[in-house]
Amino acid sequence: MRNRVAGALLATFFAGSALASGLEIVVEGEANGIITVDLLEDIAPAHVARILTLAAEGQYDGVAFHRVIDGFMAQTGDVEFGRIGSDMRRAGTGGSSLPDLAAEFSDVPFEKGVIGMARSQSENSGNSQFFIMLDAAPHLKGDYTVVGRVTGGQDVVDAIKRGTSSEGVVIGKPDVMKTVTVTD
């Protein structure tokens, strides 16, 4: 009985800690500043765990916002091909060395500041890339996994360099996530 109580207390402690995870993203480029993010472990535990793992390993550091569509979203997180100094023509086509994740859809609406996991046409292909909403997009609900929301620095998100094509591809020097740090 005593071991069960101790186990329950430990589980409660770790669950409480896990539910308080977030990110601090330092952005450089046309936008300069800090974006703070609350990650939603209770909504998308596998996707949030992936983002936390990649951030803790420093894999998001130096990764560009490669696709930014005015009035829609800013996409980043291609740890394979999205680093400044690499062939940016491939940015957005890669992921990480970890396997793709099964979708974790929810009823959370895609409003300004909500963060979703990017994917290919397969709904079970989320890996490392994510996007931050610049405006509401209700049509995304139920098709993409929500992983978090911006809690500070939305003005920084709003200032990220926009892409010039209809696809939102950023030409020239894109804004970059200089560092991405896990916070409590």
Protein backbone atom coordinates (compact mmCIF):
# COMPACT_ATOMS: atom_id res chain seq x y z
CA MET A 1 0.00 0.00 0.00
CA ARG A 2 2.79 2.40 0.92
CA ASN A 3 4.54 1.83 -2.43
CA ARG A 4 1.30 2.56 -4.31
CA VAL A 5 0.81 5.83 -2.45
CA ALA A 6 4.44 6.85 -3.08
CA GLY A 7 4.07 5.86 -6.75
CA ALA A 8 0.87 7.88 -7.07
CA LEU A 9 2.54 10.91 -5.48
CA LEU A 10 5.52 10.63 -7.83
CA ALA A 11 3.22 10.23 -10.85
CA THR A 12 1.25 13.32 -9.79
CA PHE A 13 4.47 15.31 -9.32
CA PHE A 14 5.88 14.34 -12.73
CA ALA A 15 2.54 14.84 -14.48
CA GLY A 16 2.29 18.32 -12.96
CA SER A 17 5.82 19.09 -14.08
CA ALA A 18 5.22 17.76 -17.57
CA LEU A 19 2.06 19.81 -17.97
CA ALA A 20 4.04 22.99 -17.33
CA SER A 21 6.53 22.63 -20.20
CA GLY A 22 7.14 25.34 -22.69
CA LEU A 23 9.67 26.87 -25.03
CA GLU A 24 11.58 30.11 -25.29
CA ILE A 25 12.40 30.83 -28.94
CA VAL A 26 14.92 33.58 -29.67
CA VAL A 27 14.25 34.90 -33.19
CA GLU A 28 16.72 36.85 -35.35
CA GLY A 29 16.23 38.51 -38.73
CA GLU A 30 13.54 40.99 -39.71
CA ALA A 31 11.87 39.91 -36.48
CA ASN A 32 14.05 40.11 -33.39
CA GLY A 33 12.94 39.02 -29.97
CA ILE A 34 11.66 36.20 -27.84
CA ILE A 35 8.59 34.04 -28.35
CA THR A 36 7.37 32.11 -25.31
CA VAL A 37 5.26 29.03 -25.85
CA ASP A 38 3.05 26.89 -23.62
CA LEU A 39 3.08 23.29 -24.86
CA LEU A 40 -0.14 21.27 -24.49
CA GLU A 41 0.98 17.85 -23.25
CA ASP A 42 -2.57 16.90 -22.33
CA ILE A 43 -3.72 17.50 -25.94
CA ALA A 44 -0.79 16.03 -27.92
CA PRO A 45 1.60 14.15 -25.61
CA ALA A 46 3.65 12.38 -28.29
CA HIS A 47 4.11 15.49 -30.43
CA VAL A 48 5.00 17.66 -27.43
CA ALA A 49 7.51 15.04 -26.24
CA ARG A 50 9.11 15.13 -29.69
CA ILE A 51 9.40 18.92 -29.70
CA LEU A 52 10.86 18.89 -26.18
CA THR A 53 13.39 16.22 -27.16
CA LEU A 54 14.55 18.11 -30.25
CA ALA A 55 14.70 21.43 -28.38
CA ALA A 56 16.64 19.93 -25.46
CA GLU A 57 19.16 18.44 -27.92
CA GLY A 58 19.62 21.86 -29.57
CA GLN A 59 18.34 20.58 -32.90
CA TYR A 60 16.05 23.59 -33.47
CA ASP A 61 18.87 26.10 -32.94
CA GLY A 62 19.69 27.90 -36.19
CA VAL A 63 16.63 26.62 -38.07
CA ALA A 64 14.87 29.06 -40.43
CA PHE A 65 11.25 30.08 -40.80
CA HIS A 66 11.23 28.73 -44.36
CA ARG A 67 7.53 29.16 -45.22
CA VAL A 68 5.57 32.20 -44.07
CA ILE A 69 2.20 33.12 -45.55
CA ASP A 70 0.85 36.55 -44.59
CA GLY A 71 -2.47 36.26 -42.74
CA PHE A 72 -2.02 32.51 -42.28
CA MET A 73 1.07 30.99 -40.61
CA ALA A 74 4.87 30.89 -40.13
CA GLN A 75 6.46 27.44 -40.52
CA THR A 76 9.81 26.26 -39.15
CA GLY A 77 11.42 23.24 -37.52
CA ASP A 78 13.03 21.39 -40.44
CA VAL A 79 16.06 20.17 -38.46
CA GLU A 80 17.30 18.19 -41.47
CA PHE A 81 17.29 20.81 -44.25
CA GLY A 82 16.21 24.09 -42.65
CA ARG A 83 19.44 25.38 -41.16
CA ILE A 84 20.90 28.65 -42.35
CA GLY A 85 23.96 27.83 -44.43
CA SER A 86 22.42 24.72 -45.97
CA ASP A 87 20.66 24.48 -49.33
CA MET A 88 17.46 26.32 -48.40
CA ARG A 89 15.74 25.02 -51.55
CA ARG A 90 15.22 21.78 -49.61
CA ALA A 91 13.89 23.50 -46.47
CA GLY A 92 10.49 22.11 -45.57
CA THR A 93 11.12 18.68 -47.07
CA GLY A 94 12.91 17.16 -44.09
CA GLY A 95 12.30 16.08 -40.55
CA SER A 96 14.49 14.54 -37.89
CA SER A 97 16.20 11.18 -37.53
CA LEU A 98 13.25 10.05 -35.36
CA PRO A 99 10.20 8.24 -36.80
CA ASP A 100 7.07 10.09 -37.87
CA LEU A 101 4.24 10.42 -35.35
CA ALA A 102 0.60 9.35 -35.48
CA ALA A 103 -1.82 12.29 -35.53
CA GLU A 104 -3.22 13.56 -32.22
CA PHE A 105 -6.20 15.60 -33.41
CA SER A 106 -8.24 17.67 -30.96
CA ASP A 107 -11.03 20.22 -30.80
CA VAL A 108 -8.64 23.10 -30.13
CA PRO A 109 -9.34 25.76 -32.77
CA PHE A 110 -6.53 27.14 -34.94
CA GLU A 111 -6.59 30.75 -33.75
CA LYS A 112 -3.86 33.38 -33.87
CA GLY A 113 -0.90 32.19 -31.78
CA VAL A 114 -1.83 28.49 -31.84
CA ILE A 115 1.00 26.15 -32.82
CA GLY A 116 0.34 23.13 -35.01
CA MET A 117 2.52 20.29 -36.20
CA ALA A 118 3.34 20.39 -39.90
CA ARG A 119 3.04 17.19 -41.91
CA SER A 120 2.99 15.81 -45.43
CA GLN A 121 -0.23 14.56 -47.04
CA SER A 122 -0.30 11.62 -44.65
CA GLU A 123 -1.96 12.66 -41.40
CA ASN A 124 0.48 10.40 -39.54
CA SER A 125 3.64 12.13 -40.77
CA GLY A 126 4.33 14.83 -38.16
CA ASN A 127 7.99 14.81 -37.22
CA SER A 128 9.89 18.00 -36.34
CA GLN A 129 8.30 20.88 -38.25
CA PHE A 130 5.67 23.13 -36.73
CA PHE A 131 3.81 26.31 -37.61
CA ILE A 132 2.59 29.32 -35.65
CA MET A 133 -0.72 30.84 -36.67
CA LEU A 134 -0.63 34.49 -37.78
CA ASP A 135 -4.43 34.55 -37.93
CA ALA A 136 -7.36 32.17 -37.38
CA ALA A 137 -7.76 29.24 -39.78
CA PRO A 138 -10.80 27.19 -38.65
CA HIS A 139 -10.49 24.88 -41.67
CA LEU A 140 -7.34 23.29 -40.13
CA LYS A 141 -9.19 21.93 -37.08
CA GLY A 142 -9.25 18.14 -37.13
CA ASP A 143 -6.60 17.93 -39.88
CA TYR A 144 -3.50 19.01 -37.96
CA THR A 145 -2.23 18.33 -34.44
CA VAL A 146 -2.27 21.30 -32.07
CA VAL A 147 0.84 21.28 -29.85
CA GLY A 148 0.82 24.64 -28.08
CA ARG A 149 0.14 28.34 -28.06
CA VAL A 150 2.15 31.55 -27.93
CA THR A 151 2.02 33.14 -24.47
CA GLY A 152 4.42 36.01 -25.16
CA GLY A 153 6.05 37.63 -28.15
CA GLN A 154 3.16 37.46 -30.59
CA ASP A 155 4.51 40.78 -31.91
CA VAL A 156 7.74 38.94 -32.78
CA VAL A 157 5.74 36.24 -34.60
CA ASP A 158 3.82 38.94 -36.47
CA ALA A 159 7.11 40.53 -37.62
CA ILE A 160 8.65 37.34 -39.09
CA LYS A 161 9.76 37.84 -42.72
CA ARG A 162 7.01 36.83 -45.12
CA GLY A 163 7.41 34.64 -48.17
CA THR A 164 6.78 36.24 -51.52
CA SER A 165 5.28 33.33 -53.46
CA SER A 166 1.77 31.92 -53.10
CA GLU A 167 3.39 28.96 -51.29
CA GLY A 168 4.98 31.34 -48.77
CA VAL A 169 8.56 30.36 -49.58
CA VAL A 170 10.91 32.91 -48.04
CA ILE A 171 13.39 34.24 -50.59
CA GLY A 172 16.79 35.58 -49.56
CA LYS A 173 17.69 35.51 -45.89
CA PRO A 174 14.84 34.07 -43.77
CA ASP A 175 14.34 34.77 -40.09
CA VAL A 176 15.81 32.09 -37.87
CA MET A 177 15.24 30.48 -34.49
CA LYS A 178 18.65 31.36 -33.03
CA THR A 179 18.00 29.27 -29.94
CA VAL A 180 15.10 27.19 -28.66
CA THR A 181 15.17 26.45 -24.95
CA VAL A 182 12.87 24.21 -22.89
CA THR A 183 11.23 26.04 -19.98
CA ASP A 184 9.10 24.95 -17.03
